[in-house]
Amino acid sequence: MPLRRRVDVRNHHRNMILGAMVAVLLTAFWGVGAQQAPAPGGRGGGRGPSGPPEPTPRLADGTPNLGRVPGEKGVWSVPYITNMGERVVEADGTTAMERRIAQGRGGRGGGRADAPLGGGEGTGGGARGGSKSEPQVPFQPWAAAIYDYHSKNQSKYDPEGYCLPPGGPRLMATPYPMEIVQIPEQKRIVMMFEGATHIWREIHMDGRAHPDGDALNPTYLGHSVGHWDGDTLVVDIVGFNEQTWIDYFGHPHTDMLHVVEKFSRPNKNQLRYEATFDDPGAYTKPFTVRWNIPWNPNGELTEYICQENNKYLQSLTDDFGQPIFKKQ
């Protein structure tokens, strides 16, 4: 790899991480909990109103409004979660991050005991101990080896660090603002992300099934269908390609990955997020992660550019001489 190009790539990755750390520190400073005002997030953010949170906004048909109220600003301040292993719901119903918060330790960037699921508890990365430090993650042997390799190399081959889409649930852990737009008359929901190469995803709400066989084209974000279970939006996703990591720390997945997401808005200031991973190609059993996403009432999406020479990326190889990124 040309030295100039290697430096450019690493500088981009470093800048992305530094920007994320700033976002985390801002969130930690304002400290958003389930019963507190929302933290700033995104561009042009600011401190939210004091006092108890407003009730869940709703559409005309009574469905929870997961986005902004007409005439108002607002975005979701997606937290920076580097290691989803610390967000795995374990047998006792808690996660490693929640236990750290309860003990007043939090993640990198600080923590709050009154924000057990998200918003103010830092990145939640912890020390890099590899697969042996994460008994709660049901690795298959090869997946554990891949994860250990990424840990040893400090994620230097992270696809998102090369401006490729983060994919799947990692979108909900990449620290840039997000908007959710519900379009009931079209029976679909659109999620727009400021970062992650300005990516968006569509959730089909018309009762359709996933495509079968060759009709299911593997993509970075997969194919999403959703329905309402009471006040909870349930989204079923299949059809992922293998060009992404589950998180920055490098938990792998295969194209057999099946994800079920749950979104709920208990009040205006908070979005609860849960994702269950079922990947029989990489893990021995399904596992679930969860966190909260705070609302920034003053934010709006702005322009963001992350541009690499994607043709050049096809020539990158790892320490074993193998291509890092497959041709699409």
C-alpha atoms as a PDB file:
ATOM      1  CA  MET A   1       0.000   0.000   0.000  1.00  0.00           C
ATOM      2  CA  PRO A   2       1.440   3.441  -0.853  1.00  0.00           C
ATOM      3  CA  LEU A   3       2.602   5.191   2.298  1.00  0.00           C
ATOM      4  CA  ARG A   4       0.626   8.369   1.547  1.00  0.00           C
ATOM      5  CA  ARG A   5      -2.568   6.363   1.062  1.00  0.00           C
ATOM      6  CA  ARG A   6      -2.033   4.305   4.226  1.00  0.00           C
ATOM      7  CA  VAL A   7      -1.590   7.487   6.244  1.00  0.00           C
ATOM      8  CA  ASP A   8      -4.755   9.005   4.719  1.00  0.00           C
ATOM      9  CA  VAL A   9      -6.818   5.954   5.612  1.00  0.00           C
ATOM     10  CA  ARG A  10      -5.517   5.801   9.158  1.00  0.00           C
ATOM     11  CA  ASN A  11      -5.991   9.535   9.614  1.00  0.00           C
ATOM     12  CA  HIS A  12      -9.625   9.178   8.541  1.00  0.00           C
ATOM     13  CA  HIS A  13     -10.144   6.363  11.014  1.00  0.00           C
ATOM     14  CA  ARG A  14      -8.478   8.368  13.778  1.00  0.00           C
ATOM     15  CA  ASN A  15     -10.624  11.406  12.996  1.00  0.00           C
ATOM     16  CA  MET A  16     -13.779   9.290  13.085  1.00  0.00           C
ATOM     17  CA  ILE A  17     -12.887   7.922  16.518  1.00  0.00           C
ATOM     18  CA  LEU A  18     -11.942  11.365  17.862  1.00  0.00           C
ATOM     19  CA  GLY A  19     -15.233  12.772  16.633  1.00  0.00           C
ATOM     20  CA  ALA A  20     -17.084   9.939  18.303  1.00  0.00           C
ATOM     21  CA  MET A  21     -15.251  10.543  21.577  1.00  0.00           C
ATOM     22  CA  VAL A  22     -16.311  14.193  21.496  1.00  0.00           C
ATOM     23  CA  ALA A  23     -19.927  13.132  20.977  1.00  0.00           C
ATOM     24  CA  VAL A  24     -19.652  10.704  23.886  1.00  0.00           C
ATOM     25  CA  LEU A  25     -18.161  13.309  26.203  1.00  0.00           C
ATOM     26  CA  LEU A  26     -20.936  15.747  25.336  1.00  0.00           C
ATOM     27  CA  THR A  27     -23.538  13.105  26.067  1.00  0.00           C
ATOM     28  CA  ALA A  28     -21.838  12.211  29.354  1.00  0.00           C
ATOM     29  CA  PHE A  29     -21.657  15.889  30.325  1.00  0.00           C
ATOM     30  CA  TRP A  30     -25.367  16.502  29.916  1.00  0.00           C
ATOM     31  CA  GLY A  31     -26.168  13.056  31.387  1.00  0.00           C
ATOM     32  CA  VAL A  32     -29.426  11.713  29.980  1.00  0.00           C
ATOM     33  CA  GLY A  33     -31.322   9.104  31.998  1.00  0.00           C
ATOM     34  CA  ALA A  34     -34.789   7.655  31.691  1.00  0.00           C
ATOM     35  CA  GLN A  35     -36.255  10.505  33.755  1.00  0.00           C
ATOM     36  CA  GLN A  36     -33.986  13.328  32.658  1.00  0.00           C
ATOM     37  CA  ALA A  37     -33.825  15.927  29.928  1.00  0.00           C
ATOM     38  CA  PRO A  38     -32.371  14.799  26.592  1.00  0.00           C
ATOM     39  CA  ALA A  39     -28.702  15.155  25.772  1.00  0.00           C
ATOM     40  CA  PRO A  40     -27.371  17.177  22.873  1.00  0.00           C
ATOM     41  CA  GLY A  41     -26.590  15.229  19.754  1.00  0.00           C
ATOM     42  CA  GLY A  42     -25.673  15.959  16.182  1.00  0.00           C
ATOM     43  CA  ARG A  43     -24.883  19.328  14.754  1.00  0.00           C
ATOM     44  CA  GLY A  44     -26.279  22.427  16.417  1.00  0.00           C
ATOM     45  CA  GLY A  45     -27.458  20.535  19.475  1.00  0.00           C
ATOM     46  CA  GLY A  46     -28.070  22.004  22.877  1.00  0.00           C
ATOM     47  CA  ARG A  47     -29.384  21.222  26.321  1.00  0.00           C
ATOM     48  CA  GLY A  48     -32.976  20.048  26.403  1.00  0.00           C
ATOM     49  CA  PRO A  49     -35.732  21.284  28.717  1.00  0.00           C
ATOM     50  CA  SER A  50     -35.522  20.582  32.429  1.00  0.00           C
ATOM     51  CA  GLY A  51     -38.156  18.748  34.427  1.00  0.00           C
ATOM     52  CA  PRO A  52     -39.923  15.447  33.792  1.00  0.00           C
ATOM     53  CA  PRO A  53     -40.051  14.193  30.200  1.00  0.00           C
ATOM     54  CA  GLU A  54     -43.085  14.782  28.049  1.00  0.00           C
ATOM     55  CA  PRO A  55     -45.290  11.783  27.215  1.00  0.00           C
ATOM     56  CA  THR A  56     -44.804   9.688  24.106  1.00  0.00           C
ATOM     57  CA  PRO A  57     -45.978  11.617  21.026  1.00  0.00           C
ATOM     58  CA  ARG A  58     -48.464   9.745  18.849  1.00  0.00           C
ATOM     59  CA  LEU A  59     -49.779   9.797  15.310  1.00  0.00           C
ATOM     60  CA  ALA A  60     -53.432  10.421  14.510  1.00  0.00           C
ATOM     61  CA  ASP A  61     -54.227   6.691  14.722  1.00  0.00           C
ATOM     62  CA  GLY A  62     -52.654   6.392  18.183  1.00  0.00           C
ATOM     63  CA  THR A  63     -49.444   4.730  16.987  1.00  0.00           C
ATOM     64  CA  PRO A  64     -46.317   5.992  18.808  1.00  0.00           C
ATOM     65  CA  ASN A  65     -44.519   8.661  16.810  1.00  0.00           C
ATOM     66  CA  LEU A  66     -40.870   7.585  16.759  1.00  0.00           C
ATOM     67  CA  GLY A  67     -39.769  10.804  15.090  1.00  0.00           C
ATOM     68  CA  ARG A  68     -40.240  14.532  15.440  1.00  0.00           C
ATOM     69  CA  VAL A  69     -43.552  16.239  16.082  1.00  0.00           C
ATOM     70  CA  PRO A  70     -44.693  18.396  13.119  1.00  0.00           C
ATOM     71  CA  GLY A  71     -43.396  21.933  13.485  1.00  0.00           C
ATOM     72  CA  GLU A  72     -40.578  20.947  15.835  1.00  0.00           C
ATOM     73  CA  LYS A  73     -36.912  20.098  15.426  1.00  0.00           C
ATOM     74  CA  GLY A  74     -35.296  17.008  16.854  1.00  0.00           C
ATOM     75  CA  VAL A  75     -33.078  14.012  16.135  1.00  0.00           C
ATOM     76  CA  TRP A  76     -32.040  10.877  17.971  1.00  0.00           C
ATOM     77  CA  SER A  77     -28.510  11.150  19.413  1.00  0.00           C
ATOM     78  CA  VAL A  78     -27.197   7.689  18.610  1.00  0.00           C
ATOM     79  CA  PRO A  79     -24.551   6.650  21.190  1.00  0.00           C
ATOM     80  CA  TYR A  80     -21.098   5.380  20.319  1.00  0.00           C
ATOM     81  CA  ILE A  81     -21.015   1.724  21.328  1.00  0.00           C
ATOM     82  CA  THR A  82     -17.700   0.167  20.402  1.00  0.00           C
ATOM     83  CA  ASN A  83     -18.277  -3.260  21.961  1.00  0.00           C
ATOM     84  CA  MET A  84     -21.710  -4.858  21.826  1.00  0.00           C
ATOM     85  CA  GLY A  85     -20.346  -7.707  23.918  1.00  0.00           C
ATOM     86  CA  GLU A  86     -20.871  -5.442  26.929  1.00  0.00           C
ATOM     87  CA  ARG A  87     -24.517  -4.935  25.927  1.00  0.00           C
ATOM     88  CA  VAL A  88     -25.431  -8.641  25.780  1.00  0.00           C
ATOM     89  CA  VAL A  89     -28.376  -9.446  28.056  1.00  0.00           C
ATOM     90  CA  GLU A  90     -27.172 -12.253  30.324  1.00  0.00           C
ATOM     91  CA  ALA A  91     -29.006 -14.922  32.328  1.00  0.00           C
ATOM     92  CA  ASP A  92     -29.727 -12.545  35.222  1.00  0.00           C
ATOM     93  CA  GLY A  93     -31.412 -10.084  32.872  1.00  0.00           C
ATOM     94  CA  THR A  94     -28.632  -7.482  33.034  1.00  0.00           C
ATOM     95  CA  THR A  95     -25.697  -6.520  30.841  1.00  0.00           C
ATOM     96  CA  ALA A  96     -22.052  -5.965  31.752  1.00  0.00           C
ATOM     97  CA  MET A  97     -22.478  -2.254  31.047  1.00  0.00           C
ATOM     98  CA  GLU A  98     -25.538  -1.971  33.287  1.00  0.00           C
ATOM     99  CA  ARG A  99     -23.647  -3.599  36.139  1.00  0.00           C
ATOM    100  CA  ARG A 100     -20.732  -1.212  35.654  1.00  0.00           C
ATOM    101  CA  ILE A 101     -23.109   1.744  35.696  1.00  0.00           C
ATOM    102  CA  ALA A 102     -24.755   0.478  38.890  1.00  0.00           C
ATOM    103  CA  GLN A 103     -21.282   0.367  40.451  1.00  0.00           C
ATOM    104  CA  GLY A 104     -20.585   3.915  39.292  1.00  0.00           C
ATOM    105  CA  ARG A 105     -17.865   2.932  36.846  1.00  0.00           C
ATOM    106  CA  GLY A 106     -19.493   3.273  33.418  1.00  0.00           C
ATOM    107  CA  GLY A 107     -17.614   2.940  30.155  1.00  0.00           C
ATOM    108  CA  ARG A 108     -14.919   5.021  28.525  1.00  0.00           C
ATOM    109  CA  GLY A 109     -16.077   8.596  28.778  1.00  0.00           C
ATOM    110  CA  GLY A 110     -17.738   8.272  32.171  1.00  0.00           C
ATOM    111  CA  GLY A 111     -21.015   6.865  33.404  1.00  0.00           C
ATOM    112  CA  ARG A 112     -24.166   7.523  35.364  1.00  0.00           C
ATOM    113  CA  ALA A 113     -25.972   5.170  37.705  1.00  0.00           C
ATOM    114  CA  ASP A 114     -29.319   6.645  36.636  1.00  0.00           C
ATOM    115  CA  ALA A 115     -28.789   5.834  32.951  1.00  0.00           C
ATOM    116  CA  PRO A 116     -28.542   2.030  33.005  1.00  0.00           C
ATOM    117  CA  LEU A 117     -29.219   1.395  29.325  1.00  0.00           C
ATOM    118  CA  GLY A 118     -27.721   4.314  27.467  1.00  0.00           C
ATOM    119  CA  GLY A 119     -27.389   8.068  27.183  1.00  0.00           C
ATOM    120  CA  GLY A 120     -24.444   9.252  29.223  1.00  0.00           C
ATOM    121  CA  GLU A 121     -22.658   6.037  30.108  1.00  0.00           C
ATOM    122  CA  GLY A 122     -19.823   6.402  27.625  1.00  0.00           C
ATOM    123  CA  THR A 123     -18.809   4.183  24.764  1.00  0.00           C
ATOM    124  CA  GLY A 124     -19.036   0.907  26.595  1.00  0.00           C
ATOM    125  CA  GLY A 125     -15.901  -0.517  25.064  1.00  0.00           C
ATOM    126  CA  GLY A 126     -13.906  -1.632  28.067  1.00  0.00           C
ATOM    127  CA  ALA A 127     -10.497  -3.276  27.816  1.00  0.00           C
ATOM    128  CA  ARG A 128      -9.710  -5.454  24.826  1.00  0.00           C
ATOM    129  CA  GLY A 129      -9.492  -8.900  26.303  1.00  0.00           C
ATOM    130  CA  GLY A 130     -10.571 -10.868  23.248  1.00  0.00           C
ATOM    131  CA  SER A 131     -13.110 -13.676  23.179  1.00  0.00           C
ATOM    132  CA  LYS A 132     -11.969 -15.197  26.495  1.00  0.00           C
ATOM    133  CA  SER A 133     -13.071 -12.029  28.288  1.00  0.00           C
ATOM    134  CA  GLU A 134     -16.607 -12.327  26.882  1.00  0.00           C
ATOM    135  CA  PRO A 135     -18.169 -15.610  28.053  1.00  0.00           C
ATOM    136  CA  GLN A 136     -21.577 -14.035  27.487  1.00  0.00           C
ATOM    137  CA  VAL A 137     -20.974 -14.022  23.714  1.00  0.00           C
ATOM    138  CA  PRO A 138     -21.630 -17.532  22.275  1.00  0.00           C
ATOM    139  CA  PHE A 139     -18.754 -17.607  19.773  1.00  0.00           C
ATOM    140  CA  GLN A 140     -18.105 -20.514  17.467  1.00  0.00           C
ATOM    141  CA  PRO A 141     -14.347 -21.281  17.473  1.00  0.00           C
ATOM    142  CA  TRP A 142     -13.618 -19.623  14.134  1.00  0.00           C
ATOM    143  CA  ALA A 143     -15.603 -16.511  15.103  1.00  0.00           C
ATOM    144  CA  ALA A 144     -13.668 -16.280  18.375  1.00  0.00           C
ATOM    145  CA  ALA A 145     -10.401 -16.501  16.430  1.00  0.00           C
ATOM    146  CA  ILE A 146     -11.484 -13.715  14.068  1.00  0.00           C
ATOM    147  CA  TYR A 147     -12.552 -11.558  16.997  1.00  0.00           C
ATOM    148  CA  ASP A 148      -9.214 -12.162  18.750  1.00  0.00           C
ATOM    149  CA  TYR A 149      -7.399 -11.172  15.553  1.00  0.00           C
ATOM    150  CA  HIS A 150      -9.323  -7.891  15.366  1.00  0.00           C
ATOM    151  CA  SER A 151      -8.641  -7.255  19.065  1.00  0.00           C
ATOM    152  CA  LYS A 152      -4.916  -7.850  18.636  1.00  0.00           C
ATOM    153  CA  ASN A 153      -4.768  -5.497  15.649  1.00  0.00           C
ATOM    154  CA  GLN A 154      -6.916  -2.771  17.251  1.00  0.00           C
ATOM    155  CA  SER A 155      -9.541  -3.063  14.499  1.00  0.00           C
ATOM    156  CA  LYS A 156      -7.215  -1.656  11.837  1.00  0.00           C
ATOM    157  CA  TYR A 157      -9.279  -3.358   9.108  1.00  0.00           C
ATOM    158  CA  ASP A 158     -12.639  -2.048  10.296  1.00  0.00           C
ATOM    159  CA  PRO A 159     -14.734  -1.556   7.114  1.00  0.00           C
ATOM    160  CA  GLU A 160     -16.444   1.535   8.528  1.00  0.00           C
ATOM    161  CA  GLY A 161     -13.027   3.130   8.980  1.00  0.00           C
ATOM    162  CA  TYR A 162     -12.722   2.963   5.185  1.00  0.00           C
ATOM    163  CA  CYS A 163     -16.051   4.767   4.643  1.00  0.00           C
ATOM    164  CA  LEU A 164     -18.016   1.611   3.918  1.00  0.00           C
ATOM    165  CA  PRO A 165     -21.528   1.294   5.421  1.00  0.00           C
ATOM    166  CA  PRO A 166     -21.558   0.018   9.017  1.00  0.00           C
ATOM    167  CA  GLY A 167     -24.398  -2.372   8.316  1.00  0.00           C
ATOM    168  CA  GLY A 168     -27.239  -3.763  10.386  1.00  0.00           C
ATOM    169  CA  PRO A 169     -27.606  -2.902  14.080  1.00  0.00           C
ATOM    170  CA  ARG A 170     -24.233  -1.162  14.076  1.00  0.00           C
ATOM    171  CA  LEU A 171     -26.079   1.790  12.564  1.00  0.00           C
ATOM    172  CA  MET A 172     -27.740   2.175  15.945  1.00  0.00           C
ATOM    173  CA  ALA A 173     -24.330   2.341  17.640  1.00  0.00           C
ATOM    174  CA  THR A 174     -22.553   4.793  15.318  1.00  0.00           C
ATOM    175  CA  PRO A 175     -22.474   8.258  16.948  1.00  0.00           C
ATOM    176  CA  TYR A 176     -24.266  10.451  14.467  1.00  0.00           C
ATOM    177  CA  PRO A 177     -27.817  11.844  14.548  1.00  0.00           C
ATOM    178  CA  MET A 178     -30.716   9.810  13.181  1.00  0.00           C
ATOM    179  CA  GLU A 179     -34.249  10.627  12.099  1.00  0.00           C
ATOM    180  CA  ILE A 180     -37.173   8.204  11.947  1.00  0.00           C
ATOM    181  CA  VAL A 181     -39.920   9.097   9.476  1.00  0.00           C
ATOM    182  CA  GLN A 182     -43.167   7.127   9.580  1.00  0.00           C
ATOM    183  CA  ILE A 183     -45.281   7.137   6.408  1.00  0.00           C
ATOM    184  CA  PRO A 184     -48.484   5.278   7.340  1.00  0.00           C
ATOM    185  CA  GLU A 185     -50.222   5.933   4.018  1.00  0.00           C
ATOM    186  CA  GLN A 186     -47.348   4.172   2.231  1.00  0.00           C
ATOM    187  CA  LYS A 187     -46.978   1.514   4.923  1.00  0.00           C
ATOM    188  CA  ARG A 188     -43.292   2.070   5.405  1.00  0.00           C
ATOM    189  CA  ILE A 189     -40.829   3.643   7.825  1.00  0.00           C
ATOM    190  CA  VAL A 190     -37.604   5.338   6.752  1.00  0.00           C
ATOM    191  CA  MET A 191     -34.593   5.855   9.009  1.00  0.00           C
ATOM    192  CA  MET A 192     -32.056   8.457   7.915  1.00  0.00           C
ATOM    193  CA  PHE A 193     -28.555   8.624   9.384  1.00  0.00           C
ATOM    194  CA  GLU A 194     -26.304  11.678   9.183  1.00  0.00           C
ATOM    195  CA  GLY A 195     -23.135   9.619   9.439  1.00  0.00           C
ATOM    196  CA  ALA A 196     -22.295   6.183   8.062  1.00  0.00           C
ATOM    197  CA  THR A 197     -21.912   7.593   4.536  1.00  0.00           C
ATOM    198  CA  HIS A 198     -25.245   9.404   4.899  1.00  0.00           C
ATOM    199  CA  ILE A 199     -27.060   6.121   4.695  1.00  0.00           C
ATOM    200  CA  TRP A 200     -30.768   5.362   5.048  1.00  0.00           C
ATOM    201  CA  ARG A 201     -32.869   2.243   5.520  1.00  0.00           C
ATOM    202  CA  GLU A 202     -36.455   1.336   4.666  1.00  0.00           C
ATOM    203  CA  ILE A 203     -38.735  -0.835   6.796  1.00  0.00           C
ATOM    204  CA  HIS A 204     -41.671  -2.353   4.932  1.00  0.00           C
ATOM    205  CA  MET A 205     -44.863  -2.276   7.019  1.00  0.00           C
ATOM    206  CA  ASP A 206     -47.275  -3.704   4.429  1.00  0.00           C
ATOM    207  CA  GLY A 207     -47.192  -7.296   5.643  1.00  0.00           C
ATOM    208  CA  ARG A 208     -44.896  -8.576   2.907  1.00  0.00           C
ATOM    209  CA  ALA A 209     -42.548 -11.501   3.466  1.00  0.00           C
ATOM    210  CA  HIS A 210     -38.816 -11.487   2.835  1.00  0.00           C
ATOM    211  CA  PRO A 211     -37.779 -12.387  -0.736  1.00  0.00           C
ATOM    212  CA  ASP A 212     -36.885 -16.033  -1.302  1.00  0.00           C
ATOM    213  CA  GLY A 213     -33.740 -17.572  -2.734  1.00  0.00           C
ATOM    214  CA  ASP A 214     -31.884 -15.548  -5.343  1.00  0.00           C
ATOM    215  CA  ALA A 215     -34.469 -12.773  -5.063  1.00  0.00           C
ATOM    216  CA  LEU A 216     -32.960 -11.880  -1.680  1.00  0.00           C
ATOM    217  CA  ASN A 217     -29.988  -9.778  -2.716  1.00  0.00           C
ATOM    218  CA  PRO A 218     -27.417  -9.597   0.129  1.00  0.00           C
ATOM    219  CA  THR A 219     -26.785  -5.987   1.162  1.00  0.00           C
ATOM    220  CA  TYR A 220     -25.071  -4.047   3.946  1.00  0.00           C
ATOM    221  CA  LEU A 221     -28.360  -3.337   5.745  1.00  0.00           C
ATOM    222  CA  GLY A 222     -30.344  -6.413   4.781  1.00  0.00           C
ATOM    223  CA  HIS A 223     -34.074  -6.585   4.002  1.00  0.00           C
ATOM    224  CA  SER A 224     -36.364  -5.216   6.728  1.00  0.00           C
ATOM    225  CA  VAL A 225     -40.041  -5.944   7.381  1.00  0.00           C
ATOM    226  CA  GLY A 226     -41.844  -4.626  10.433  1.00  0.00           C
ATOM    227  CA  HIS A 227     -45.041  -4.644  12.450  1.00  0.00           C
ATOM    228  CA  TRP A 228     -46.389  -3.096  15.640  1.00  0.00           C
ATOM    229  CA  ASP A 229     -46.717  -5.208  18.777  1.00  0.00           C
ATOM    230  CA  GLY A 230     -48.662  -2.826  20.982  1.00  0.00           C
ATOM    231  CA  ASP A 231     -46.452   0.256  21.311  1.00  0.00           C
ATOM    232  CA  THR A 232     -43.308  -1.605  20.200  1.00  0.00           C
ATOM    233  CA  LEU A 233     -42.042  -1.593  16.622  1.00  0.00           C
ATOM    234  CA  VAL A 234     -40.680  -5.055  15.777  1.00  0.00           C
ATOM    235  CA  VAL A 235     -38.393  -5.303  12.738  1.00  0.00           C
ATOM    236  CA  ASP A 236     -37.222  -8.577  11.169  1.00  0.00           C
ATOM    237  CA  ILE A 237     -34.053  -8.390   9.040  1.00  0.00           C
ATOM    238  CA  VAL A 238     -32.352 -10.959   6.801  1.00  0.00           C
ATOM    239  CA  GLY A 239     -30.198 -10.799   3.685  1.00  0.00           C
ATOM    240  CA  PHE A 240     -26.975  -9.311   5.032  1.00  0.00           C
ATOM    241  CA  ASN A 241     -23.736  -9.493   3.089  1.00  0.00           C
ATOM    242  CA  GLU A 242     -20.501 -10.344   4.896  1.00  0.00           C
ATOM    243  CA  GLN A 243     -18.763  -7.002   4.356  1.00  0.00           C
ATOM    244  CA  THR A 244     -19.476  -5.546   7.808  1.00  0.00           C
ATOM    245  CA  TRP A 245     -18.651  -6.087  11.469  1.00  0.00           C
ATOM    246  CA  ILE A 246     -21.242  -6.136  14.226  1.00  0.00           C
ATOM    247  CA  ASP A 247     -19.301  -3.402  16.052  1.00  0.00           C
ATOM    248  CA  TYR A 248     -16.009  -1.513  16.101  1.00  0.00           C
ATOM    249  CA  PHE A 249     -14.354  -4.153  18.284  1.00  0.00           C
ATOM    250  CA  GLY A 250     -14.842  -6.626  15.444  1.00  0.00           C
ATOM    251  CA  HIS A 251     -17.497  -9.205  16.356  1.00  0.00           C
ATOM    252  CA  PRO A 252     -17.978 -11.049  13.051  1.00  0.00           C
ATOM    253  CA  HIS A 253     -21.073 -12.376  11.336  1.00  0.00           C
ATOM    254  CA  THR A 254     -21.995 -14.400   8.251  1.00  0.00           C
ATOM    255  CA  ASP A 255     -24.650 -14.042   5.565  1.00  0.00           C
ATOM    256  CA  MET A 256     -26.812 -16.343   7.694  1.00  0.00           C
ATOM    257  CA  LEU A 257     -27.364 -13.505  10.166  1.00  0.00           C
ATOM    258  CA  HIS A 258     -30.988 -12.909  11.164  1.00  0.00           C
ATOM    259  CA  VAL A 259     -31.760  -9.905  13.367  1.00  0.00           C
ATOM    260  CA  VAL A 260     -34.947  -8.977  15.214  1.00  0.00           C
ATOM    261  CA  GLU A 261     -35.038  -5.374  16.425  1.00  0.00           C
ATOM    262  CA  LYS A 262     -37.443  -3.764  18.890  1.00  0.00           C
ATOM    263  CA  PHE A 263     -38.007  -0.007  19.137  1.00  0.00           C
ATOM    264  CA  SER A 264     -40.142   1.650  21.809  1.00  0.00           C
ATOM    265  CA  ARG A 265     -40.528   5.238  23.009  1.00  0.00           C
ATOM    266  CA  PRO A 266     -41.565   5.332  26.689  1.00  0.00           C
ATOM    267  CA  ASN A 267     -41.510   9.140  26.675  1.00  0.00           C
ATOM    268  CA  LYS A 268     -40.578  11.920  24.300  1.00  0.00           C
ATOM    269  CA  ASN A 269     -36.949  11.955  25.401  1.00  0.00           C
ATOM    270  CA  GLN A 270     -35.971   8.328  24.989  1.00  0.00           C
ATOM    271  CA  LEU A 271     -35.891   5.531  22.430  1.00  0.00           C
ATOM    272  CA  ARG A 272     -35.342   2.016  23.743  1.00  0.00           C
ATOM    273  CA  TYR A 273     -33.483  -0.245  21.343  1.00  0.00           C
ATOM    274  CA  GLU A 274     -33.055  -4.012  21.456  1.00  0.00           C
ATOM    275  CA  ALA A 275     -31.597  -6.378  18.863  1.00  0.00           C
ATOM    276  CA  THR A 276     -31.457 -10.169  18.879  1.00  0.00           C
ATOM    277  CA  PHE A 277     -28.727 -11.740  16.723  1.00  0.00           C
ATOM    278  CA  ASP A 278     -29.269 -15.237  15.363  1.00  0.00           C
ATOM    279  CA  ASP A 279     -26.321 -16.314  13.220  1.00  0.00           C
ATOM    280  CA  PRO A 280     -25.800 -20.098  13.185  1.00  0.00           C
ATOM    281  CA  GLY A 281     -22.774 -19.553  10.958  1.00  0.00           C
ATOM    282  CA  ALA A 282     -20.812 -17.666  13.631  1.00  0.00           C
ATOM    283  CA  TYR A 283     -22.471 -18.211  17.030  1.00  0.00           C
ATOM    284  CA  THR A 284     -23.767 -21.251  18.874  1.00  0.00           C
ATOM    285  CA  LYS A 285     -27.057 -19.626  19.913  1.00  0.00           C
ATOM    286  CA  PRO A 286     -28.929 -16.313  19.595  1.00  0.00           C
ATOM    287  CA  PHE A 287     -28.055 -13.395  21.877  1.00  0.00           C
ATOM    288  CA  THR A 288     -29.685 -10.033  22.583  1.00  0.00           C
ATOM    289  CA  VAL A 289     -28.187  -6.574  23.086  1.00  0.00           C
ATOM    290  CA  ARG A 290     -29.904  -3.381  24.261  1.00  0.00           C
ATOM    291  CA  TRP A 291     -29.390   0.295  25.033  1.00  0.00           C
ATOM    292  CA  ASN A 292     -31.252   3.603  25.090  1.00  0.00           C
ATOM    293  CA  ILE A 293     -30.972   6.457  22.602  1.00  0.00           C
ATOM    294  CA  PRO A 294     -31.631  10.016  23.868  1.00  0.00           C
ATOM    295  CA  TRP A 295     -33.620  12.666  22.010  1.00  0.00           C
ATOM    296  CA  ASN A 296     -32.062  16.001  21.086  1.00  0.00           C
ATOM    297  CA  PRO A 297     -34.929  18.489  20.626  1.00  0.00           C
ATOM    298  CA  ASN A 298     -32.704  21.095  18.945  1.00  0.00           C
ATOM    299  CA  GLY A 299     -30.849  18.965  16.403  1.00  0.00           C
ATOM    300  CA  GLU A 300     -31.261  18.543  12.656  1.00  0.00           C
ATOM    301  CA  LEU A 301     -29.445  16.403  10.108  1.00  0.00           C
ATOM    302  CA  THR A 302     -26.658  18.201   8.266  1.00  0.00           C
ATOM    303  CA  GLU A 303     -24.261  17.338   5.478  1.00  0.00           C
ATOM    304  CA  TYR A 304     -21.621  14.728   6.240  1.00  0.00           C
ATOM    305  CA  ILE A 305     -19.064  13.340   3.811  1.00  0.00           C
ATOM    306  CA  CYS A 306     -16.995  10.182   4.185  1.00  0.00           C
ATOM    307  CA  GLN A 307     -15.376   9.361   0.866  1.00  0.00           C
ATOM    308  CA  GLU A 308     -12.646   6.839   0.131  1.00  0.00           C
ATOM    309  CA  ASN A 309     -11.319   5.538  -3.171  1.00  0.00           C
ATOM    310  CA  ASN A 310     -13.428   2.385  -3.283  1.00  0.00           C
ATOM    311  CA  LYS A 311     -11.641   1.074  -6.367  1.00  0.00           C
ATOM    312  CA  TYR A 312      -8.409   1.298  -4.406  1.00  0.00           C
ATOM    313  CA  LEU A 313      -9.954  -0.636  -1.507  1.00  0.00           C
ATOM    314  CA  GLN A 314     -10.191  -3.745  -3.695  1.00  0.00           C
ATOM    315  CA  SER A 315      -6.382  -4.009  -3.638  1.00  0.00           C
ATOM    316  CA  LEU A 316      -6.033  -3.918   0.164  1.00  0.00           C
ATOM    317  CA  THR A 317      -4.850  -7.155   1.776  1.00  0.00           C
ATOM    318  CA  ASP A 318      -4.569  -8.267   5.392  1.00  0.00           C
ATOM    319  CA  ASP A 319      -1.542  -9.637   7.243  1.00  0.00           C
ATOM    320  CA  PHE A 320      -1.968 -12.952   5.419  1.00  0.00           C
ATOM    321  CA  GLY A 321      -2.164 -11.453   1.943  1.00  0.00           C
ATOM    322  CA  GLN A 322      -5.901 -12.001   1.617  1.00  0.00           C
ATOM    323  CA  PRO A 323      -8.279  -9.324   0.241  1.00  0.00           C
ATOM    324  CA  ILE A 324      -9.904  -7.328   3.033  1.00  0.00           C
ATOM    325  CA  PHE A 325     -12.919  -6.194   1.025  1.00  0.00           C
ATOM    326  CA  LYS A 326     -14.664  -8.357  -1.546  1.00  0.00           C
ATOM    327  CA  LYS A 327     -15.844  -6.970  -4.850  1.00  0.00           C
ATOM    328  CA  GLN A 328     -19.555  -6.194  -4.878  1.00  0.00           C
END
